[in-house]
């Protein structure tokens, strides 16, 4: 129970830091993200952002799994 509370606390701190400083990082507009703009149409495919988010979540889940 104690480890779970610590893990939840760490995740909340990381999430809070991301929300606070996320606007300054431009997380959704990384190089490699595909943006197609036409007259009445805009297509946005954040492939680099998705890969980075997948790596971060995989690392978080790996650490959580190791602490159990």
N, C-alpha and C. Protein backbone atom coordinates (compact mmCIF):
# COMPACT_ATOMS: atom_id res chain seq x y z
N UNK A 1 0.82 -1.19 0.00
CA UNK A 1 0.00 0.00 0.00
C UNK A 1 0.86 1.25 0.00
N UNK A 2 1.95 1.24 0.76
CA UNK A 2 2.83 2.39 0.84
C UNK A 2 3.54 2.68 -0.48
N UNK A 3 4.02 1.60 -1.13
CA UNK A 3 4.68 1.78 -2.42
C UNK A 3 3.73 2.34 -3.46
N UNK A 4 2.49 1.87 -3.43
CA UNK A 4 1.50 2.35 -4.39
C UNK A 4 1.25 3.84 -4.22
N UNK A 5 1.17 4.30 -2.98
CA UNK A 5 0.95 5.73 -2.73
C UNK A 5 2.14 6.56 -3.19
N UNK A 6 3.34 6.05 -2.99
CA UNK A 6 4.54 6.76 -3.45
C UNK A 6 4.56 6.84 -4.96
N UNK A 7 4.24 5.74 -5.64
CA UNK A 7 4.22 5.72 -7.10
C UNK A 7 3.18 6.69 -7.62
N UNK A 8 1.99 6.68 -7.05
CA UNK A 8 0.93 7.60 -7.48
C UNK A 8 1.37 9.04 -7.26
N UNK A 9 2.04 9.31 -6.14
CA UNK A 9 2.53 10.66 -5.85
C UNK A 9 3.56 11.11 -6.86
N UNK A 10 4.50 10.24 -7.21
CA UNK A 10 5.52 10.57 -8.20
C UNK A 10 4.89 10.83 -9.56
N UNK A 11 3.93 10.01 -9.94
CA UNK A 11 3.25 10.19 -11.23
C UNK A 11 2.50 11.52 -11.24
N UNK A 12 1.86 11.88 -10.13
CA UNK A 12 1.15 13.15 -10.06
C UNK A 12 2.11 14.34 -10.12
N UNK A 13 3.27 14.22 -9.51
CA UNK A 13 4.27 15.29 -9.59
C UNK A 13 4.76 15.45 -11.02
N UNK A 14 5.06 14.35 -11.68
CA UNK A 14 5.51 14.42 -13.07
C UNK A 14 4.43 15.00 -13.96
N UNK A 15 3.19 14.59 -13.76
CA UNK A 15 2.08 15.13 -14.53
C UNK A 15 1.90 16.62 -14.28
N UNK A 16 2.04 17.05 -13.03
CA UNK A 16 1.94 18.47 -12.70
C UNK A 16 3.04 19.29 -13.35
N UNK A 17 4.26 18.77 -13.36
CA UNK A 17 5.36 19.47 -14.02
C UNK A 17 5.13 19.55 -15.52
N UNK A 18 4.60 18.48 -16.10
CA UNK A 18 4.33 18.48 -17.54
C UNK A 18 3.25 19.50 -17.88
N UNK A 19 2.22 19.60 -17.06
CA UNK A 19 1.15 20.56 -17.31
C UNK A 19 1.68 21.98 -17.15
N UNK A 20 2.52 22.20 -16.14
CA UNK A 20 3.07 23.53 -15.89
C UNK A 20 4.00 23.99 -16.99
N UNK A 21 4.92 23.13 -17.40
CA UNK A 21 5.92 23.51 -18.38
C UNK A 21 5.64 22.99 -19.78
N UNK A 22 4.52 22.32 -19.98
CA UNK A 22 4.19 21.73 -21.27
C UNK A 22 3.98 22.74 -22.38
N UNK A 23 3.45 23.91 -22.05
CA UNK A 23 3.23 24.93 -23.06
C UNK A 23 4.52 25.52 -23.60
N UNK A 24 5.56 25.51 -22.80
CA UNK A 24 6.85 26.06 -23.21
C UNK A 24 7.65 25.08 -24.06
N UNK A 25 7.32 23.81 -23.99
CA UNK A 25 8.08 22.78 -24.70
C UNK A 25 7.58 22.59 -26.13
N UNK A 26 6.33 22.97 -26.43
CA UNK A 26 5.69 22.70 -27.73
C UNK A 26 5.69 21.21 -28.03
N UNK A 27 5.18 20.45 -27.08
CA UNK A 27 5.20 18.99 -27.16
C UNK A 27 4.46 18.46 -28.38
N UNK A 28 3.42 19.14 -28.83
CA UNK A 28 2.64 18.65 -29.96
C UNK A 28 3.14 19.10 -31.31
N UNK A 29 4.22 19.86 -31.35
CA UNK A 29 4.73 20.38 -32.62
C UNK A 29 6.22 20.08 -32.77
N UNK A 30 6.55 18.81 -32.68
CA UNK A 30 7.94 18.39 -32.79
C UNK A 30 8.33 18.22 -34.25
N UNK A 31 9.62 18.29 -34.57
CA UNK A 31 10.05 17.98 -35.93
C UNK A 31 9.71 16.53 -36.26
N UNK A 32 9.17 16.30 -37.40
CA UNK A 32 8.75 14.96 -37.79
C UNK A 32 7.25 14.78 -37.75
N UNK A 33 6.54 15.67 -37.08
CA UNK A 33 5.08 15.64 -37.11
C UNK A 33 4.61 16.10 -38.49
N UNK A 34 3.63 15.43 -39.02
CA UNK A 34 3.15 15.70 -40.38
C UNK A 34 1.98 16.66 -40.32
N UNK A 35 2.12 17.78 -41.04
CA UNK A 35 1.05 18.77 -41.12
C UNK A 35 0.82 19.09 -42.60
N UNK A 36 -0.42 18.88 -43.06
CA UNK A 36 -0.80 19.20 -44.43
C UNK A 36 -1.90 20.24 -44.36
N UNK A 37 -1.64 21.43 -44.92
CA UNK A 37 -2.64 22.51 -44.91
C UNK A 37 -3.07 22.80 -46.34
N UNK A 38 -4.37 22.75 -46.55
CA UNK A 38 -4.98 23.11 -47.83
C UNK A 38 -5.95 24.25 -47.59
N UNK A 39 -6.73 24.61 -48.59
CA UNK A 39 -7.65 25.74 -48.45
C UNK A 39 -8.65 25.53 -47.33
N UNK A 40 -9.42 24.46 -47.38
CA UNK A 40 -10.46 24.19 -46.38
C UNK A 40 -10.17 22.94 -45.56
N UNK A 41 -8.92 22.55 -45.51
CA UNK A 41 -8.59 21.27 -44.89
C UNK A 41 -7.22 21.35 -44.23
N UNK A 42 -7.12 20.85 -43.01
CA UNK A 42 -5.84 20.73 -42.32
C UNK A 42 -5.75 19.33 -41.74
N UNK A 43 -4.66 18.64 -42.08
CA UNK A 43 -4.42 17.29 -41.56
C UNK A 43 -3.17 17.33 -40.70
N UNK A 44 -3.28 16.88 -39.48
CA UNK A 44 -2.17 16.88 -38.54
C UNK A 44 -1.98 15.46 -38.01
N UNK A 45 -0.81 14.89 -38.24
CA UNK A 45 -0.49 13.55 -37.76
C UNK A 45 0.79 13.62 -36.94
N UNK A 46 0.68 13.61 -35.60
CA UNK A 46 1.84 13.81 -34.73
C UNK A 46 2.63 12.52 -34.50
N UNK A 47 3.30 12.02 -35.52
CA UNK A 47 3.98 10.73 -35.40
C UNK A 47 5.16 10.79 -34.43
N UNK A 48 5.95 11.85 -34.48
CA UNK A 48 7.09 11.97 -33.56
C UNK A 48 6.60 12.12 -32.12
N UNK A 49 5.55 12.90 -31.93
CA UNK A 49 4.98 13.07 -30.59
C UNK A 49 4.46 11.75 -30.05
N UNK A 50 3.81 10.96 -30.90
CA UNK A 50 3.28 9.68 -30.45
C UNK A 50 4.40 8.71 -30.09
N UNK A 51 5.48 8.70 -30.86
CA UNK A 51 6.61 7.83 -30.55
C UNK A 51 7.25 8.23 -29.22
N UNK A 52 7.45 9.54 -29.01
CA UNK A 52 8.02 10.02 -27.76
C UNK A 52 7.12 9.71 -26.58
N UNK A 53 5.83 9.91 -26.74
CA UNK A 53 4.88 9.60 -25.68
C UNK A 53 4.86 8.11 -25.37
N UNK A 54 4.96 7.28 -26.39
CA UNK A 54 5.01 5.83 -26.19
C UNK A 54 6.25 5.42 -25.42
N UNK A 55 7.39 6.02 -25.73
CA UNK A 55 8.62 5.71 -25.01
C UNK A 55 8.53 6.12 -23.54
N UNK A 56 7.97 7.31 -23.28
CA UNK A 56 7.84 7.78 -21.91
C UNK A 56 6.90 6.89 -21.12
N UNK A 57 5.74 6.55 -21.70
CA UNK A 57 4.80 5.68 -21.00
C UNK A 57 5.36 4.28 -20.78
N UNK A 58 6.11 3.76 -21.76
CA UNK A 58 6.73 2.45 -21.60
C UNK A 58 7.73 2.47 -20.45
N UNK A 59 8.50 3.54 -20.33
CA UNK A 59 9.46 3.67 -19.24
C UNK A 59 8.76 3.76 -17.90
N UNK A 60 7.68 4.54 -17.82
CA UNK A 60 6.92 4.66 -16.57
C UNK A 60 6.34 3.32 -16.16
N UNK A 61 5.73 2.60 -17.10
CA UNK A 61 5.14 1.30 -16.77
C UNK A 61 6.21 0.28 -16.40
N UNK A 62 7.38 0.36 -17.03
CA UNK A 62 8.48 -0.54 -16.68
C UNK A 62 8.93 -0.29 -15.25
N UNK A 63 9.09 0.98 -14.88
CA UNK A 63 9.52 1.32 -13.53
C UNK A 63 8.48 0.90 -12.50
N UNK A 64 7.21 1.14 -12.81
CA UNK A 64 6.12 0.74 -11.89
C UNK A 64 6.12 -0.77 -11.72
N UNK A 65 6.32 -1.51 -12.80
CA UNK A 65 6.34 -2.97 -12.73
C UNK A 65 7.53 -3.48 -11.93
N UNK A 66 8.69 -2.83 -12.03
CA UNK A 66 9.87 -3.25 -11.28
C UNK A 66 9.73 -2.97 -9.79
N UNK A 67 8.97 -1.94 -9.42
CA UNK A 67 8.82 -1.59 -8.01
C UNK A 67 7.81 -2.48 -7.29
N UNK A 68 7.05 -3.27 -8.00
CA UNK A 68 6.08 -4.17 -7.37
C UNK A 68 6.72 -5.36 -6.79
